[in-house]
Amino acid sequence: MRASTSLKTMTLAAALIAAPLAGAYAAGHHKGALDATPTADFVGPRAAGLIDQVQGVDQGITDARQANNISASEAQQLHMRAARISQAADHVAASDHGRIPSAQYHELLRRLDNVDQRLMNDTGSGFMMGDGSDGGNYPNG
C-alpha cells in the first residue's frame, strides 16, 4: 500500500509541475520562432521552495492517513487544500515569468501553514497551550 500511495503522490507532483509547461508549449507552438516567449515554469527560489513545502505537507497528509491518524475524508480535504495552494503558486508564477512576488509568496506560505497546522491538530500533534497547572495542556486551535 505504501508504494501505491507514493506513486499517487509522485503522479500528482508530476502533473502539477508539467501542467504549466504543457500550457506554455501549446501557447508558444502557434508563434514564430522569433516571437516565442520563455516557458512559464518555476524558476525563482520562492517558487521552488514553495513547491517543496507543498510536497512535504502533502506527504505528511499521506503518512497521517496511512497511520490512521486522520480519516480518508480529512485527508482528501487537506490534499485538495494543498493542491489549490500549488495551483495558485503555479498561476502567479506563470503570470510573472516564473517568479512569485513577495506579498503573494507570504500569503501562499500562510495558507500552507494553515493546512499544516490543521493536519497537526487533527493528528493530535499540534502546539500545546497551557502549563498544566489547570490539569493539562490543550491543543492550540
C-alpha atoms as a PDB file:
ATOM      1  CA  MET A   1       0.000   0.000   0.000  1.00  0.00           C
ATOM      2  CA  ARG A   2       2.878   2.367   0.680  1.00  0.00           C
ATOM      3  CA  ALA A   3       4.189   2.015  -2.871  1.00  0.00           C
ATOM      4  CA  SER A   4       0.815   2.865  -4.431  1.00  0.00           C
ATOM      5  CA  THR A   5       0.430   5.966  -2.275  1.00  0.00           C
ATOM      6  CA  SER A   6       3.956   7.033  -3.109  1.00  0.00           C
ATOM      7  CA  LEU A   7       3.140   6.522  -6.789  1.00  0.00           C
ATOM      8  CA  LYS A   8      -0.007   8.640  -6.392  1.00  0.00           C
ATOM      9  CA  THR A   9       1.982  11.393  -4.704  1.00  0.00           C
ATOM     10  CA  MET A  10       4.641  11.303  -7.410  1.00  0.00           C
ATOM     11  CA  THR A  11       1.973  11.353 -10.120  1.00  0.00           C
ATOM     12  CA  LEU A  12       0.263  14.359  -8.517  1.00  0.00           C
ATOM     13  CA  ALA A  13       3.576  16.208  -8.199  1.00  0.00           C
ATOM     14  CA  ALA A  14       4.491  15.438 -11.828  1.00  0.00           C
ATOM     15  CA  ALA A  15       1.094  16.655 -13.039  1.00  0.00           C
ATOM     16  CA  LEU A  16       1.380  19.868 -11.036  1.00  0.00           C
ATOM     17  CA  ILE A  17       4.828  20.529 -12.437  1.00  0.00           C
ATOM     18  CA  ALA A  18       4.030  19.508 -16.036  1.00  0.00           C
ATOM     19  CA  ALA A  19       0.809  21.498 -16.389  1.00  0.00           C
ATOM     20  CA  PRO A  20       2.400  24.953 -16.802  1.00  0.00           C
ATOM     21  CA  LEU A  21       4.984  23.560 -19.182  1.00  0.00           C
ATOM     22  CA  ALA A  22       2.336  21.947 -21.384  1.00  0.00           C
ATOM     23  CA  GLY A  23       0.281  25.140 -21.447  1.00  0.00           C
ATOM     24  CA  ALA A  24       3.309  27.239 -22.290  1.00  0.00           C
ATOM     25  CA  TYR A  25       4.281  24.847 -25.076  1.00  0.00           C
ATOM     26  CA  ALA A  26       0.757  24.869 -26.525  1.00  0.00           C
ATOM     27  CA  ALA A  27       0.611  28.669 -26.403  1.00  0.00           C
ATOM     28  CA  GLY A  28       4.054  29.053 -27.954  1.00  0.00           C
ATOM     29  CA  HIS A  29       3.526  26.387 -30.621  1.00  0.00           C
ATOM     30  CA  HIS A  30       1.499  28.708 -32.847  1.00  0.00           C
ATOM     31  CA  LYS A  31       4.012  31.563 -32.768  1.00  0.00           C
ATOM     32  CA  GLY A  32       7.020  32.055 -34.931  1.00  0.00           C
ATOM     33  CA  ALA A  33      10.450  31.185 -33.567  1.00  0.00           C
ATOM     34  CA  LEU A  34      11.318  34.865 -33.130  1.00  0.00           C
ATOM     35  CA  ASP A  35       8.071  35.610 -31.278  1.00  0.00           C
ATOM     36  CA  ALA A  36       8.431  32.783 -28.774  1.00  0.00           C
ATOM     37  CA  THR A  37       8.461  33.773 -25.120  1.00  0.00           C
ATOM     38  CA  PRO A  38      10.233  31.754 -22.447  1.00  0.00           C
ATOM     39  CA  THR A  39       8.175  28.971 -20.933  1.00  0.00           C
ATOM     40  CA  ALA A  40       6.410  29.804 -17.694  1.00  0.00           C
ATOM     41  CA  ASP A  41       7.956  27.362 -15.283  1.00  0.00           C
ATOM     42  CA  PHE A  42       9.053  27.609 -11.689  1.00  0.00           C
ATOM     43  CA  VAL A  43      12.445  29.271 -11.901  1.00  0.00           C
ATOM     44  CA  GLY A  44      12.525  31.521  -8.852  1.00  0.00           C
ATOM     45  CA  PRO A  45      13.792  30.301  -5.486  1.00  0.00           C
ATOM     46  CA  ARG A  46      10.481  31.219  -3.851  1.00  0.00           C
ATOM     47  CA  ALA A  47       8.527  29.086  -6.284  1.00  0.00           C
ATOM     48  CA  ALA A  48      10.863  26.116  -5.908  1.00  0.00           C
ATOM     49  CA  GLY A  49      10.829  26.406  -2.112  1.00  0.00           C
ATOM     50  CA  LEU A  50       7.055  26.696  -2.018  1.00  0.00           C
ATOM     51  CA  ILE A  51       6.591  23.627  -4.213  1.00  0.00           C
ATOM     52  CA  ASP A  52       8.978  21.666  -1.967  1.00  0.00           C
ATOM     53  CA  GLN A  53       6.975  22.710   1.085  1.00  0.00           C
ATOM     54  CA  VAL A  54       3.658  21.788  -0.543  1.00  0.00           C
ATOM     55  CA  GLN A  55       5.079  18.362  -1.380  1.00  0.00           C
ATOM     56  CA  GLY A  56       6.271  17.962   2.220  1.00  0.00           C
ATOM     57  CA  VAL A  57       2.840  18.820   3.652  1.00  0.00           C
ATOM     58  CA  ASP A  58       1.203  16.550   1.078  1.00  0.00           C
ATOM     59  CA  GLN A  59       3.493  13.690   2.137  1.00  0.00           C
ATOM     60  CA  GLY A  60       2.644  14.388   5.789  1.00  0.00           C
ATOM     61  CA  ILE A  61      -1.056  14.089   4.940  1.00  0.00           C
ATOM     62  CA  THR A  62      -0.414  10.785   3.182  1.00  0.00           C
ATOM     63  CA  ASP A  63       1.623   9.480   6.110  1.00  0.00           C
ATOM     64  CA  ALA A  64      -1.045  10.512   8.629  1.00  0.00           C
ATOM     65  CA  ARG A  65      -3.730   8.736   6.606  1.00  0.00           C
ATOM     66  CA  GLN A  66      -1.646   5.566   6.326  1.00  0.00           C
ATOM     67  CA  ALA A  67      -1.122   5.595  10.083  1.00  0.00           C
ATOM     68  CA  ASN A  68      -4.905   6.005  10.539  1.00  0.00           C
ATOM     69  CA  ASN A  69      -4.375   9.268  12.404  1.00  0.00           C
ATOM     70  CA  ILE A  70      -6.900  11.041  10.161  1.00  0.00           C
ATOM     71  CA  SER A  71      -9.923   9.844   8.221  1.00  0.00           C
ATOM     72  CA  ALA A  72      -9.996   9.452   4.457  1.00  0.00           C
ATOM     73  CA  SER A  73     -12.301  12.466   4.119  1.00  0.00           C
ATOM     74  CA  GLU A  74      -9.967  14.635   6.232  1.00  0.00           C
ATOM     75  CA  ALA A  75      -7.009  13.514   4.127  1.00  0.00           C
ATOM     76  CA  GLN A  76      -8.864  14.263   0.920  1.00  0.00           C
ATOM     77  CA  GLN A  77      -9.854  17.718   2.151  1.00  0.00           C
ATOM     78  CA  LEU A  78      -6.276  18.527   3.196  1.00  0.00           C
ATOM     79  CA  HIS A  79      -4.866  17.188  -0.102  1.00  0.00           C
ATOM     80  CA  MET A  80      -7.309  19.408  -2.005  1.00  0.00           C
ATOM     81  CA  ARG A  81      -6.331  22.487   0.018  1.00  0.00           C
ATOM     82  CA  ALA A  82      -2.636  21.788  -0.648  1.00  0.00           C
ATOM     83  CA  ALA A  83      -3.363  21.275  -4.357  1.00  0.00           C
ATOM     84  CA  ARG A  84      -5.203  24.623  -4.539  1.00  0.00           C
ATOM     85  CA  ILE A  85      -2.197  26.354  -2.983  1.00  0.00           C
ATOM     86  CA  SER A  86       0.083  24.702  -5.520  1.00  0.00           C
ATOM     87  CA  GLN A  87      -2.223  25.737  -8.368  1.00  0.00           C
ATOM     88  CA  ALA A  88      -2.303  29.310  -7.070  1.00  0.00           C
ATOM     89  CA  ALA A  89       1.506  29.348  -6.952  1.00  0.00           C
ATOM     90  CA  ASP A  90       1.586  27.997 -10.497  1.00  0.00           C
ATOM     91  CA  HIS A  91      -0.814  30.697 -11.683  1.00  0.00           C
ATOM     92  CA  VAL A  92       1.142  33.519 -10.033  1.00  0.00           C
ATOM     93  CA  ALA A  93       4.470  32.191 -11.318  1.00  0.00           C
ATOM     94  CA  ALA A  94       3.092  31.762 -14.836  1.00  0.00           C
ATOM     95  CA  SER A  95       1.897  35.367 -14.875  1.00  0.00           C
ATOM     96  CA  ASP A  96       5.238  36.724 -13.607  1.00  0.00           C
ATOM     97  CA  HIS A  97       7.831  34.869 -15.698  1.00  0.00           C
ATOM     98  CA  GLY A  98       8.275  32.026 -13.222  1.00  0.00           C
ATOM     99  CA  ARG A  99       8.602  34.167 -10.130  1.00  0.00           C
ATOM    100  CA  ILE A 100       6.329  34.768  -7.162  1.00  0.00           C
ATOM    101  CA  PRO A 101       6.291  38.312  -5.744  1.00  0.00           C
ATOM    102  CA  SER A 102       6.985  38.621  -2.041  1.00  0.00           C
ATOM    103  CA  ALA A 103       3.448  39.543  -0.916  1.00  0.00           C
ATOM    104  CA  GLN A 104       1.856  36.641  -2.761  1.00  0.00           C
ATOM    105  CA  TYR A 105       4.599  34.276  -1.612  1.00  0.00           C
ATOM    106  CA  HIS A 106       3.941  35.129   2.030  1.00  0.00           C
ATOM    107  CA  GLU A 107       0.185  34.745   1.524  1.00  0.00           C
ATOM    108  CA  LEU A 108       0.675  31.290  -0.040  1.00  0.00           C
ATOM    109  CA  LEU A 109       3.025  30.306   2.794  1.00  0.00           C
ATOM    110  CA  ARG A 110       0.435  31.442   5.343  1.00  0.00           C
ATOM    111  CA  ARG A 111      -2.238  29.337   3.640  1.00  0.00           C
ATOM    112  CA  LEU A 112       0.093  26.320   3.535  1.00  0.00           C
ATOM    113  CA  ASP A 113       0.960  26.806   7.203  1.00  0.00           C
ATOM    114  CA  ASN A 114      -2.777  26.760   7.986  1.00  0.00           C
ATOM    115  CA  VAL A 115      -3.088  23.397   6.200  1.00  0.00           C
ATOM    116  CA  ASP A 116      -0.071  22.057   8.082  1.00  0.00           C
ATOM    117  CA  GLN A 117      -1.410  23.326  11.417  1.00  0.00           C
ATOM    118  CA  ARG A 118      -4.787  21.732  10.685  1.00  0.00           C
ATOM    119  CA  LEU A 119      -3.024  18.429   9.958  1.00  0.00           C
ATOM    120  CA  MET A 120      -1.071  18.670  13.205  1.00  0.00           C
ATOM    121  CA  ASN A 121      -4.218  19.436  15.203  1.00  0.00           C
ATOM    122  CA  ASP A 122      -6.147  16.608  13.525  1.00  0.00           C
ATOM    123  CA  THR A 123      -3.393  14.133  14.349  1.00  0.00           C
ATOM    124  CA  GLY A 124      -3.010  15.367  17.921  1.00  0.00           C
ATOM    125  CA  SER A 125       0.484  16.710  17.429  1.00  0.00           C
ATOM    126  CA  GLY A 126      -0.388  20.418  17.317  1.00  0.00           C
ATOM    127  CA  PHE A 127       1.213  23.046  19.501  1.00  0.00           C
ATOM    128  CA  MET A 128       0.097  22.688  23.079  1.00  0.00           C
ATOM    129  CA  MET A 129      -1.054  25.597  25.202  1.00  0.00           C
ATOM    130  CA  GLY A 130      -1.119  25.879  28.966  1.00  0.00           C
ATOM    131  CA  ASP A 131       1.382  24.922  31.599  1.00  0.00           C
ATOM    132  CA  GLY A 132      -0.536  22.039  33.127  1.00  0.00           C
ATOM    133  CA  SER A 133      -1.487  23.974  36.252  1.00  0.00           C
ATOM    134  CA  ASP A 134      -5.177  23.549  35.444  1.00  0.00           C
ATOM    135  CA  GLY A 135      -4.960  19.829  34.820  1.00  0.00           C
ATOM    136  CA  GLY A 136      -3.309  19.600  31.433  1.00  0.00           C
ATOM    137  CA  ASN A 137      -2.138  21.037  28.179  1.00  0.00           C
ATOM    138  CA  TYR A 138      -4.534  21.745  25.352  1.00  0.00           C
ATOM    139  CA  PRO A 139      -4.093  21.813  21.568  1.00  0.00           C
ATOM    140  CA  ASN A 140      -3.811  25.285  20.083  1.00  0.00           C
ATOM    141  CA  GLY A 141      -6.585  25.681  17.548  1.00  0.00           C
END
